Amino acid sequence: MPQAGLVFQDAAVAASVNAKVTGLPPALVITAEADVLRDEGEAYAAKLRAADVPVTQVRYAAITHDFVMLNTLHDTNAAKSAVAQAITTLTQALH
């Protein structure tokens, strides 16, 4: 069971601690302003940029963690926009 304050050190579990990010494919990093993991997501995007990995990074304002998955936030502009952006990014990458 996860413990509060637990920091993942295993690169297989947390990609953000993986020292080898050079050569990874382009990434879309979506964070939420009120997400307890926002700083980690944004640090990962910075790490990718430092390794010359193309990154699109977006922070959605006034929204919480998992906003695209929560039924109560399903119809918000932020959720709709994030899902549309993910679809567009994946479609462009795969075609």
C-alpha atoms as a PDB file:
ATOM      1  CA  MET A   1       0.000   0.000   0.000  1.00  0.00           C
ATOM      2  CA  PRO A   2       1.442   3.415  -0.928  1.00  0.00           C
ATOM      3  CA  GLN A   3       2.620   5.590   1.927  1.00  0.00           C
ATOM      4  CA  ALA A   4       2.324   9.355   2.120  1.00  0.00           C
ATOM      5  CA  GLY A   5       5.576  11.023   1.166  1.00  0.00           C
ATOM      6  CA  LEU A   6       6.928   7.905  -0.541  1.00  0.00           C
ATOM      7  CA  VAL A   7       9.538   8.793  -3.148  1.00  0.00           C
ATOM      8  CA  PHE A   8      10.022   6.347  -6.006  1.00  0.00           C
ATOM      9  CA  GLN A   9      13.683   5.741  -6.778  1.00  0.00           C
ATOM     10  CA  ASP A  10      13.204   2.872  -9.221  1.00  0.00           C
ATOM     11  CA  ALA A  11      13.396   3.992 -12.857  1.00  0.00           C
ATOM     12  CA  ALA A  12      11.092   1.133 -13.854  1.00  0.00           C
ATOM     13  CA  VAL A  13       8.378   2.639 -11.666  1.00  0.00           C
ATOM     14  CA  ALA A  14       8.958   6.358 -12.153  1.00  0.00           C
ATOM     15  CA  ALA A  15      10.201   7.527 -15.533  1.00  0.00           C
ATOM     16  CA  SER A  16      11.141  10.884 -14.041  1.00  0.00           C
ATOM     17  CA  VAL A  17      14.005   9.321 -12.050  1.00  0.00           C
ATOM     18  CA  ASN A  18      15.403   7.465 -15.052  1.00  0.00           C
ATOM     19  CA  ALA A  19      18.821   8.945 -15.764  1.00  0.00           C
ATOM     20  CA  LYS A  20      18.674   7.912 -19.427  1.00  0.00           C
ATOM     21  CA  VAL A  21      16.191  10.124 -21.225  1.00  0.00           C
ATOM     22  CA  THR A  22      18.362  10.913 -24.242  1.00  0.00           C
ATOM     23  CA  GLY A  23      16.837   9.605 -27.443  1.00  0.00           C
ATOM     24  CA  LEU A  24      13.311   9.275 -26.129  1.00  0.00           C
ATOM     25  CA  PRO A  25      10.506  10.124 -28.558  1.00  0.00           C
ATOM     26  CA  PRO A  26       8.734  13.474 -28.399  1.00  0.00           C
ATOM     27  CA  ALA A  27       6.657  13.888 -25.259  1.00  0.00           C
ATOM     28  CA  LEU A  28       3.457  15.607 -24.239  1.00  0.00           C
ATOM     29  CA  VAL A  29       3.525  16.487 -20.538  1.00  0.00           C
ATOM     30  CA  ILE A  30       0.197  17.663 -19.147  1.00  0.00           C
ATOM     31  CA  THR A  31       0.067  18.963 -15.594  1.00  0.00           C
ATOM     32  CA  ALA A  32      -2.655  20.492 -13.455  1.00  0.00           C
ATOM     33  CA  GLU A  33      -2.185  23.603 -11.357  1.00  0.00           C
ATOM     34  CA  ALA A  34      -3.638  22.021  -8.204  1.00  0.00           C
ATOM     35  CA  ASP A  35      -1.898  18.653  -8.636  1.00  0.00           C
ATOM     36  CA  VAL A  36       0.385  17.467  -5.845  1.00  0.00           C
ATOM     37  CA  LEU A  37       2.565  15.909  -8.581  1.00  0.00           C
ATOM     38  CA  ARG A  38       2.710  19.038 -10.775  1.00  0.00           C
ATOM     39  CA  ASP A  39       6.288  19.916  -9.846  1.00  0.00           C
ATOM     40  CA  GLU A  40       7.493  16.397 -10.630  1.00  0.00           C
ATOM     41  CA  GLY A  41       5.776  16.430 -14.019  1.00  0.00           C
ATOM     42  CA  GLU A  42       7.246  19.797 -14.893  1.00  0.00           C
ATOM     43  CA  ALA A  43      10.697  18.731 -13.690  1.00  0.00           C
ATOM     44  CA  TYR A  44      10.441  15.686 -15.958  1.00  0.00           C
ATOM     45  CA  ALA A  45       9.600  17.935 -18.917  1.00  0.00           C
ATOM     46  CA  ALA A  46      12.638  20.084 -18.098  1.00  0.00           C
ATOM     47  CA  LYS A  47      14.816  16.978 -17.889  1.00  0.00           C
ATOM     48  CA  LEU A  48      13.615  15.852 -21.313  1.00  0.00           C
ATOM     49  CA  ARG A  49      14.295  19.310 -22.783  1.00  0.00           C
ATOM     50  CA  ALA A  50      17.798  19.289 -21.301  1.00  0.00           C
ATOM     51  CA  ALA A  51      18.391  16.016 -23.172  1.00  0.00           C
ATOM     52  CA  ASP A  52      17.129  17.609 -26.423  1.00  0.00           C
ATOM     53  CA  VAL A  53      13.944  15.539 -26.411  1.00  0.00           C
ATOM     54  CA  PRO A  54      11.107  17.501 -28.046  1.00  0.00           C
ATOM     55  CA  VAL A  55       8.535  18.335 -25.373  1.00  0.00           C
ATOM     56  CA  THR A  56       5.152  19.995 -25.418  1.00  0.00           C
ATOM     57  CA  GLN A  57       4.315  20.996 -21.869  1.00  0.00           C
ATOM     58  CA  VAL A  58       0.945  22.334 -20.776  1.00  0.00           C
ATOM     59  CA  ARG A  59      -0.241  23.292 -17.295  1.00  0.00           C
ATOM     60  CA  TYR A  60      -4.004  23.554 -16.904  1.00  0.00           C
ATOM     61  CA  ALA A  61      -5.012  26.256 -14.420  1.00  0.00           C
ATOM     62  CA  ALA A  62      -7.417  25.860 -11.502  1.00  0.00           C
ATOM     63  CA  ILE A  63      -7.766  22.098 -11.921  1.00  0.00           C
ATOM     64  CA  THR A  64      -6.720  19.068  -9.892  1.00  0.00           C
ATOM     65  CA  HIS A  65      -4.847  15.802 -10.416  1.00  0.00           C
ATOM     66  CA  ASP A  66      -6.535  13.242 -12.665  1.00  0.00           C
ATOM     67  CA  PHE A  67      -8.897  15.860 -14.075  1.00  0.00           C
ATOM     68  CA  VAL A  68      -9.330  14.033 -17.376  1.00  0.00           C
ATOM     69  CA  MET A  69     -10.436  10.863 -15.573  1.00  0.00           C
ATOM     70  CA  LEU A  70     -12.805  12.214 -12.920  1.00  0.00           C
ATOM     71  CA  ASN A  71     -16.479  12.016 -13.860  1.00  0.00           C
ATOM     72  CA  THR A  72     -17.226  15.278 -12.062  1.00  0.00           C
ATOM     73  CA  LEU A  73     -14.673  17.116 -14.238  1.00  0.00           C
ATOM     74  CA  HIS A  74     -15.442  15.223 -17.455  1.00  0.00           C
ATOM     75  CA  ASP A  75     -17.234  18.123 -19.120  1.00  0.00           C
ATOM     76  CA  THR A  76     -14.866  20.919 -18.105  1.00  0.00           C
ATOM     77  CA  ASN A  77     -13.031  22.889 -20.766  1.00  0.00           C
ATOM     78  CA  ALA A  78      -9.716  21.749 -19.256  1.00  0.00           C
ATOM     79  CA  ALA A  79     -10.572  18.050 -19.531  1.00  0.00           C
ATOM     80  CA  LYS A  80     -11.931  18.383 -23.050  1.00  0.00           C
ATOM     81  CA  SER A  81      -8.910  20.392 -24.160  1.00  0.00           C
ATOM     82  CA  ALA A  82      -6.379  18.008 -22.593  1.00  0.00           C
ATOM     83  CA  VAL A  83      -8.015  14.958 -24.170  1.00  0.00           C
ATOM     84  CA  ALA A  84      -8.193  16.674 -27.563  1.00  0.00           C
ATOM     85  CA  GLN A  85      -4.542  17.673 -27.300  1.00  0.00           C
ATOM     86  CA  ALA A  86      -3.507  14.123 -26.390  1.00  0.00           C
ATOM     87  CA  ILE A  87      -5.495  12.710 -29.314  1.00  0.00           C
ATOM     88  CA  THR A  88      -3.974  15.217 -31.732  1.00  0.00           C
ATOM     89  CA  THR A  89      -0.454  14.572 -30.456  1.00  0.00           C
ATOM     90  CA  LEU A  90      -0.807  10.789 -30.713  1.00  0.00           C
ATOM     91  CA  THR A  91      -2.453  10.975 -34.128  1.00  0.00           C
ATOM     92  CA  GLN A  92       0.378  13.128 -35.470  1.00  0.00           C
ATOM     93  CA  ALA A  93       3.016  10.855 -33.957  1.00  0.00           C
ATOM     94  CA  LEU A  94       1.494   7.653 -35.319  1.00  0.00           C
ATOM     95  CA  HIS A  95       0.615   8.766 -38.854  1.00  0.00           C
END
